[in-house]
Amino acid sequence: MWLPEWQVDADGFDVAVGERIRWSLVEMDQRWVDRPLTEPRSVSLQLDFTAEDRDDADQLTWHDLTGTVTRIDQVSARYVSSRDPAEGGARMPEAGGAQQHSVSSLWDRRPHHGRITSWIVRVQS
């Protein structure tokens, strides 16, 4: 499960390894996950606190997940200007340049380069 950094910081959200959770998730854009990571990882869902406010909210497929957090990986990357004309030079995570560090909670942050972009959270149901 993907958890974007901006949502964690905006809401002061925290979760820790060993914690029991019950979340409603939406589908994740796998291309966004693949961009910064050096090794491909299948991350099909994301926790999105603002999904209900999106223009396409009525088209989202929700997935309820209940279980115990078994691992949290902090993902950090440097941001660079995109060379893709479709992205208009927007600042994006450097392709293949992310670092991943296993952490005990979202606030147990490890030293990293660039900035934290997200966490990958594994949950066992």
Protein backbone atom coordinates (compact mmCIF):
# COMPACT_ATOMS: atom_id res chain seq x y z
CA MET A 1 0.00 0.00 0.00
CA TRP A 2 1.34 3.45 -0.96
CA LEU A 3 1.05 6.37 1.44
CA PRO A 4 2.07 9.77 0.02
CA GLU A 5 4.24 12.01 2.21
CA TRP A 6 2.12 15.12 1.72
CA GLN A 7 -0.88 13.42 3.31
CA VAL A 8 1.11 12.21 6.31
CA ASP A 9 2.57 15.65 7.02
CA ALA A 10 -0.66 17.56 6.31
CA ASP A 11 -2.70 15.41 8.70
CA GLY A 12 -0.04 14.46 11.26
CA PHE A 13 -0.93 10.84 10.44
CA ASP A 14 1.10 8.03 11.97
CA VAL A 15 1.07 4.25 11.93
CA ALA A 16 3.61 1.76 13.26
CA VAL A 17 4.73 -1.80 12.62
CA GLY A 18 2.56 -4.15 14.68
CA GLU A 19 -0.43 -1.78 14.69
CA ARG A 20 -3.84 -3.12 13.67
CA ILE A 21 -5.45 -1.04 10.91
CA ARG A 22 -8.75 -0.74 9.10
CA TRP A 23 -8.45 1.40 5.98
CA SER A 24 -10.42 2.12 2.80
CA LEU A 25 -8.00 2.27 -0.11
CA VAL A 26 -8.15 3.32 -3.76
CA GLU A 27 -6.16 2.05 -6.71
CA MET A 28 -2.61 3.36 -7.11
CA ASP A 29 -1.07 4.56 -10.35
CA GLN A 30 1.62 1.90 -10.82
CA ARG A 31 3.51 4.16 -13.26
CA TRP A 32 3.97 6.69 -10.42
CA VAL A 33 5.31 3.93 -8.16
CA ASP A 34 7.68 2.64 -10.85
CA ARG A 35 9.18 6.04 -11.65
CA PRO A 36 11.42 6.59 -8.60
CA LEU A 37 12.11 2.96 -7.62
CA THR A 38 15.24 1.17 -8.79
CA GLU A 39 13.58 -2.24 -8.44
CA PRO A 40 10.00 -2.76 -9.65
CA ARG A 41 7.47 -3.34 -6.86
CA SER A 42 3.80 -4.04 -7.26
CA VAL A 43 1.92 -1.50 -5.15
CA SER A 44 -1.67 -1.60 -6.32
CA LEU A 45 -3.44 0.40 -3.60
CA GLN A 46 -3.02 3.69 -1.80
CA LEU A 47 -4.41 5.39 1.26
CA ASP A 48 -5.76 8.72 0.00
CA PHE A 49 -7.39 10.96 2.60
CA THR A 50 -8.70 13.32 -0.09
CA ALA A 51 -10.06 10.77 -2.61
CA GLU A 52 -13.67 11.51 -1.67
CA ASP A 53 -13.14 15.15 -2.72
CA ARG A 54 -11.72 14.38 -6.17
CA ASP A 55 -13.71 15.19 -9.31
CA ASP A 56 -13.66 11.49 -10.28
CA ALA A 57 -14.57 10.19 -6.78
CA ASP A 58 -17.73 8.51 -8.08
CA GLN A 59 -15.60 6.42 -10.45
CA LEU A 60 -13.13 5.16 -7.83
CA THR A 61 -13.12 1.56 -6.71
CA TRP A 62 -12.71 1.29 -2.95
CA HIS A 63 -10.98 -1.63 -1.23
CA ASP A 64 -11.43 -2.20 2.49
CA LEU A 65 -8.36 -3.56 4.25
CA THR A 66 -8.14 -4.80 7.82
CA GLY A 67 -4.96 -6.29 9.22
CA THR A 68 -1.67 -5.75 10.99
CA VAL A 69 1.15 -3.59 9.66
CA THR A 70 4.13 -5.89 9.08
CA ARG A 71 6.60 -3.52 7.39
CA ILE A 72 7.01 0.15 6.51
CA ASP A 73 9.51 1.32 3.88
CA GLN A 74 10.35 5.02 3.74
CA VAL A 75 10.89 6.08 0.10
CA SER A 76 12.95 9.19 -0.66
CA ALA A 77 14.11 10.69 -3.95
CA ARG A 78 15.64 13.78 -5.43
CA TYR A 79 13.30 15.86 -7.57
CA VAL A 80 14.33 16.96 -11.06
CA SER A 81 12.64 18.83 -13.89
CA SER A 82 10.92 16.37 -16.18
CA ARG A 83 12.15 16.13 -19.76
CA ASP A 84 8.84 14.61 -20.89
CA PRO A 85 7.04 17.25 -23.00
CA ALA A 86 3.69 15.96 -21.70
CA GLU A 87 4.76 16.92 -18.15
CA GLY A 88 5.80 20.44 -19.13
CA GLY A 89 9.03 20.47 -17.12
CA ALA A 90 7.26 19.73 -13.82
CA ARG A 91 9.44 18.66 -10.88
CA MET A 92 9.23 14.88 -10.55
CA PRO A 93 11.06 12.21 -8.54
CA GLU A 94 14.30 11.26 -10.27
CA ALA A 95 13.70 8.11 -12.32
CA GLY A 96 15.26 5.08 -10.63
CA GLY A 97 16.92 7.20 -7.97
CA ALA A 98 14.86 6.43 -4.87
CA GLN A 99 16.25 5.15 -1.59
CA GLN A 100 14.18 2.82 0.60
CA HIS A 101 14.70 2.38 4.32
CA SER A 102 12.75 0.08 6.62
CA VAL A 103 11.32 2.09 9.55
CA SER A 104 9.24 1.25 12.61
CA SER A 105 6.69 4.05 12.05
CA LEU A 106 5.99 6.99 9.75
CA TRP A 107 7.70 9.33 12.22
CA ASP A 108 10.79 7.13 12.66
CA ARG A 109 12.47 8.84 9.72
CA ARG A 110 15.88 7.72 8.52
CA PRO A 111 18.56 9.95 6.97
CA HIS A 112 17.98 10.16 3.23
CA HIS A 113 18.86 12.09 0.11
CA GLY A 114 16.34 14.34 -1.60
CA ARG A 115 13.02 14.32 0.17
CA ILE A 116 10.65 11.67 1.42
CA THR A 117 8.04 11.02 -1.24
CA SER A 118 6.04 8.24 0.40
CA TRP A 119 5.95 5.07 2.43
CA ILE A 120 5.19 1.57 1.23
CA VAL A 121 3.22 -0.16 3.97
CA ARG A 122 2.74 -3.93 4.06
CA VAL A 123 -0.30 -5.27 5.86
CA GLN A 124 -1.13 -8.86 6.68
CA SER A 125 -4.85 -9.52 6.84
